[in-house]
Amino acid sequence: PSHDITQGFQTKRILLIGGAARSKAVQEITAEMFASKIEVPPAGEYVADGAARQAAWALTGKLPTWQIGEVLTVEPKNSSNVAASYLELISEL
């Protein structure tokens, strides 16, 4: 059967963050699952950065534009239908 992992949503940008984001396999599988390019920013403390950004915004009234560094872009290979395989596997749980 055909499965749509996105459930009809259109994405503008997919950021992959967290410890698993460093894994090349996780990056490639994520790009395949969403059939879309994903962006992997450098490792960082994004929760703390977000809180500091909000505090600066509240203090100054102006949203700061902070750079996060060089972002890795991973394109899907479309070598197989990973999303359908994944959904089939989890349906058996």
N, C-alpha and C. Protein backbone atom coordinates (compact mmCIF):
# COMPACT_ATOMS: atom_id res chain seq x y z
N PRO A 1 0.82 -1.20 0.00
CA PRO A 1 0.00 0.00 0.00
C PRO A 1 0.86 1.26 0.00
N SER A 2 0.31 2.30 -0.55
CA SER A 2 1.01 3.59 -0.61
C SER A 2 0.79 4.36 0.69
N HIS A 3 1.85 4.94 1.23
CA HIS A 3 1.77 5.70 2.47
C HIS A 3 2.35 7.09 2.24
N ASP A 4 1.73 8.09 2.88
CA ASP A 4 2.24 9.46 2.82
C ASP A 4 2.66 9.86 4.23
N ILE A 5 3.97 9.84 4.49
CA ILE A 5 4.49 10.15 5.82
C ILE A 5 4.20 11.60 6.20
N THR A 6 4.04 12.49 5.24
CA THR A 6 3.83 13.91 5.53
C THR A 6 2.39 14.23 5.87
N GLN A 7 1.47 13.29 5.65
CA GLN A 7 0.05 13.49 5.95
C GLN A 7 -0.50 14.74 5.28
N GLY A 8 0.01 15.07 4.09
CA GLY A 8 -0.50 16.20 3.33
C GLY A 8 0.11 17.55 3.67
N PHE A 9 1.02 17.61 4.63
CA PHE A 9 1.64 18.88 4.99
C PHE A 9 2.76 19.21 4.02
N GLN A 10 2.90 20.49 3.70
CA GLN A 10 4.00 20.96 2.88
C GLN A 10 5.04 21.60 3.80
N THR A 11 6.28 21.23 3.64
CA THR A 11 7.33 21.80 4.47
C THR A 11 8.08 22.88 3.73
N LYS A 12 8.58 23.83 4.47
CA LYS A 12 9.44 24.87 3.90
C LYS A 12 10.90 24.58 4.21
N ARG A 13 11.11 24.01 5.41
CA ARG A 13 12.48 23.76 5.84
C ARG A 13 12.45 22.68 6.92
N ILE A 14 13.36 21.73 6.83
CA ILE A 14 13.47 20.69 7.84
C ILE A 14 14.86 20.77 8.45
N LEU A 15 14.92 21.08 9.74
CA LEU A 15 16.18 21.13 10.48
C LEU A 15 16.28 19.88 11.33
N LEU A 16 17.40 19.21 11.25
CA LEU A 16 17.65 18.02 12.06
C LEU A 16 18.65 18.40 13.13
N ILE A 17 18.21 18.39 14.40
CA ILE A 17 19.10 18.76 15.50
C ILE A 17 19.08 17.68 16.57
N GLY A 18 20.04 17.75 17.46
CA GLY A 18 20.13 16.79 18.54
C GLY A 18 21.29 15.83 18.31
N GLY A 19 21.53 14.98 19.28
CA GLY A 19 22.66 14.07 19.22
C GLY A 19 22.64 13.15 18.01
N ALA A 20 21.47 12.63 17.67
CA ALA A 20 21.37 11.70 16.53
C ALA A 20 21.62 12.39 15.20
N ALA A 21 21.48 13.71 15.15
CA ALA A 21 21.67 14.45 13.89
C ALA A 21 23.10 14.32 13.37
N ARG A 22 24.03 13.95 14.22
CA ARG A 22 25.42 13.78 13.77
C ARG A 22 25.61 12.52 12.95
N SER A 23 24.67 11.58 13.05
CA SER A 23 24.78 10.30 12.36
C SER A 23 24.43 10.46 10.88
N LYS A 24 25.35 10.07 10.02
CA LYS A 24 25.12 10.13 8.57
C LYS A 24 23.90 9.28 8.21
N ALA A 25 23.76 8.12 8.86
CA ALA A 25 22.62 7.24 8.57
C ALA A 25 21.31 7.93 8.93
N VAL A 26 21.25 8.58 10.09
CA VAL A 26 20.03 9.29 10.50
C VAL A 26 19.73 10.42 9.53
N GLN A 27 20.75 11.13 9.09
CA GLN A 27 20.57 12.22 8.12
C GLN A 27 19.96 11.69 6.83
N GLU A 28 20.54 10.62 6.30
CA GLU A 28 20.07 10.07 5.03
C GLU A 28 18.66 9.48 5.16
N ILE A 29 18.39 8.77 6.24
CA ILE A 29 17.07 8.18 6.44
C ILE A 29 16.02 9.27 6.59
N THR A 30 16.36 10.34 7.31
CA THR A 30 15.41 11.44 7.49
C THR A 30 15.08 12.10 6.16
N ALA A 31 16.09 12.35 5.33
CA ALA A 31 15.85 12.93 4.01
C ALA A 31 14.96 12.03 3.17
N GLU A 32 15.19 10.71 3.25
CA GLU A 32 14.37 9.76 2.51
C GLU A 32 12.95 9.72 3.06
N MET A 33 12.81 9.70 4.39
CA MET A 33 11.48 9.62 5.01
C MET A 33 10.59 10.78 4.58
N PHE A 34 11.18 11.98 4.53
CA PHE A 34 10.40 13.15 4.16
C PHE A 34 10.47 13.46 2.68
N ALA A 35 11.25 12.67 1.92
CA ALA A 35 11.43 12.90 0.47
C ALA A 35 11.73 14.37 0.21
N SER A 36 12.63 14.91 1.03
CA SER A 36 12.95 16.33 0.95
C SER A 36 14.37 16.53 1.47
N LYS A 37 14.99 17.61 1.04
CA LYS A 37 16.30 17.91 1.60
C LYS A 37 16.12 18.30 3.06
N ILE A 38 17.13 17.99 3.85
CA ILE A 38 17.12 18.39 5.25
C ILE A 38 18.37 19.21 5.50
N GLU A 39 18.31 20.02 6.54
CA GLU A 39 19.46 20.84 6.90
C GLU A 39 19.91 20.44 8.31
N VAL A 40 21.22 20.27 8.46
CA VAL A 40 21.80 19.89 9.74
C VAL A 40 22.74 21.01 10.17
N PRO A 41 22.30 21.83 11.14
CA PRO A 41 23.19 22.89 11.64
C PRO A 41 24.28 22.29 12.51
N PRO A 42 25.33 23.06 12.77
CA PRO A 42 26.37 22.53 13.66
C PRO A 42 25.79 22.25 15.04
N ALA A 43 26.41 21.32 15.76
CA ALA A 43 25.94 21.00 17.11
C ALA A 43 25.96 22.26 17.96
N GLY A 44 24.94 22.42 18.78
CA GLY A 44 24.88 23.61 19.62
C GLY A 44 23.87 23.44 20.73
N GLU A 45 23.78 24.43 21.53
CA GLU A 45 22.83 24.47 22.64
C GLU A 45 21.62 25.28 22.19
N TYR A 46 20.78 24.70 21.35
CA TYR A 46 19.71 25.45 20.71
C TYR A 46 18.60 25.88 21.67
N VAL A 47 18.36 25.12 22.72
CA VAL A 47 17.35 25.54 23.70
C VAL A 47 17.86 26.78 24.43
N ALA A 48 19.10 26.76 24.87
CA ALA A 48 19.69 27.91 25.56
C ALA A 48 19.80 29.10 24.60
N ASP A 49 20.20 28.85 23.37
CA ASP A 49 20.30 29.93 22.38
C ASP A 49 18.93 30.57 22.14
N GLY A 50 17.89 29.73 22.06
CA GLY A 50 16.54 30.25 21.84
C GLY A 50 16.07 31.09 23.00
N ALA A 51 16.36 30.64 24.22
CA ALA A 51 15.98 31.40 25.41
C ALA A 51 16.71 32.74 25.44
N ALA A 52 17.99 32.73 25.12
CA ALA A 52 18.77 33.97 25.11
C ALA A 52 18.26 34.92 24.03
N ARG A 53 17.89 34.35 22.88
CA ARG A 53 17.37 35.18 21.79
C ARG A 53 16.05 35.83 22.19
N GLN A 54 15.17 35.06 22.85
CA GLN A 54 13.90 35.62 23.31
C GLN A 54 14.13 36.69 24.37
N ALA A 55 15.09 36.47 25.27
CA ALA A 55 15.40 37.47 26.30
C ALA A 55 15.91 38.76 25.67
N ALA A 56 16.80 38.63 24.68
CA ALA A 56 17.32 39.81 23.98
C ALA A 56 16.19 40.55 23.26
N TRP A 57 15.28 39.80 22.68
CA TRP A 57 14.13 40.38 21.98
C TRP A 57 13.24 41.15 22.96
N ALA A 58 12.97 40.52 24.12
CA ALA A 58 12.13 41.17 25.14
C ALA A 58 12.81 42.43 25.68
N LEU A 59 14.12 42.39 25.84
CA LEU A 59 14.87 43.51 26.40
C LEU A 59 14.97 44.69 25.43
N THR A 60 15.22 44.37 24.15
CA THR A 60 15.46 45.43 23.16
C THR A 60 14.24 45.76 22.31
N GLY A 61 13.27 44.82 22.26
CA GLY A 61 12.11 45.02 21.39
C GLY A 61 12.41 44.70 19.94
N LYS A 62 13.61 44.20 19.67
CA LYS A 62 14.01 43.87 18.31
C LYS A 62 14.53 42.43 18.28
N LEU A 63 13.97 41.62 17.37
CA LEU A 63 14.39 40.22 17.26
C LEU A 63 15.80 40.14 16.70
N PRO A 64 16.74 39.56 17.48
CA PRO A 64 18.12 39.46 16.98
C PRO A 64 18.23 38.44 15.85
N THR A 65 19.10 38.70 14.93
CA THR A 65 19.37 37.75 13.83
C THR A 65 20.76 37.16 14.06
N TRP A 66 20.79 36.07 14.78
CA TRP A 66 22.04 35.40 15.09
C TRP A 66 22.28 34.30 14.09
N GLN A 67 23.51 34.16 13.68
CA GLN A 67 23.90 33.10 12.76
C GLN A 67 24.22 31.84 13.54
N ILE A 68 23.86 30.69 12.98
CA ILE A 68 24.12 29.43 13.68
C ILE A 68 25.33 28.69 13.11
N GLY A 69 25.93 29.22 12.08
CA GLY A 69 27.10 28.57 11.50
C GLY A 69 26.75 27.86 10.20
N GLU A 70 27.72 27.16 9.68
CA GLU A 70 27.54 26.47 8.40
C GLU A 70 26.57 25.30 8.55
N VAL A 71 25.59 25.25 7.67
CA VAL A 71 24.54 24.23 7.72
C VAL A 71 24.81 23.19 6.63
N LEU A 72 24.81 21.92 7.00
CA LEU A 72 24.95 20.81 6.06
C LEU A 72 23.60 20.52 5.44
N THR A 73 23.53 20.41 4.12
CA THR A 73 22.29 20.06 3.43
C THR A 73 22.41 18.63 2.92
N VAL A 74 21.40 17.81 3.23
CA VAL A 74 21.38 16.41 2.80
C VAL A 74 20.16 16.22 1.89
N GLU A 75 20.41 15.77 0.68
CA GLU A 75 19.35 15.53 -0.30
C GLU A 75 18.92 14.06 -0.25
N PRO A 76 17.63 13.79 -0.47
CA PRO A 76 17.21 12.38 -0.53
C PRO A 76 17.78 11.72 -1.77
N LYS A 77 18.11 10.44 -1.66
CA LYS A 77 18.67 9.69 -2.79
C LYS A 77 17.58 9.01 -3.61
N ASN A 78 16.40 8.85 -3.01
CA ASN A 78 15.28 8.18 -3.67
C ASN A 78 15.66 6.80 -4.18
N SER A 79 16.59 6.15 -3.46
CA SER A 79 17.02 4.83 -3.89
C SER A 79 16.01 3.74 -3.52
N SER A 80 15.18 4.01 -2.53
CA SER A 80 14.14 3.07 -2.13
C SER A 80 13.06 3.85 -1.41
N ASN A 81 11.95 3.20 -1.19
CA ASN A 81 10.86 3.87 -0.50
C ASN A 81 10.98 3.60 0.99
N VAL A 82 11.85 4.35 1.65
CA VAL A 82 12.13 4.16 3.07
C VAL A 82 10.89 4.41 3.90
N ALA A 83 10.13 5.45 3.59
CA ALA A 83 8.94 5.79 4.38
C ALA A 83 7.94 4.64 4.36
N ALA A 84 7.67 4.07 3.20
CA ALA A 84 6.72 2.97 3.11
C ALA A 84 7.22 1.75 3.88
N SER A 85 8.51 1.47 3.79
CA SER A 85 9.07 0.33 4.53
C SER A 85 8.95 0.54 6.03
N TYR A 86 9.24 1.76 6.48
CA TYR A 86 9.14 2.08 7.90
C TYR A 86 7.70 1.94 8.39
N LEU A 87 6.77 2.52 7.66
CA LEU A 87 5.37 2.44 8.06
C LEU A 87 4.86 1.00 8.08
N GLU A 88 5.33 0.20 7.14
CA GLU A 88 4.94 -1.21 7.12
C GLU A 88 5.48 -1.93 8.37
N LEU A 89 6.72 -1.63 8.73
CA LEU A 89 7.31 -2.26 9.91
C LEU A 89 6.58 -1.86 11.19
N ILE A 90 6.29 -0.57 11.36
CA ILE A 90 5.65 -0.16 12.60
C ILE A 90 4.20 -0.60 12.68
N SER A 91 3.57 -0.86 11.53
CA SER A 91 2.19 -1.33 11.56
C SER A 91 2.11 -2.74 12.13
N GLU A 92 3.23 -3.45 12.13
CA GLU A 92 3.26 -4.80 12.66
C GLU A 92 3.50 -4.85 14.16
N LEU A 93 3.74 -3.69 14.78
CA LEU A 93 3.98 -3.67 16.23
C LEU A 93 2.71 -3.87 17.02
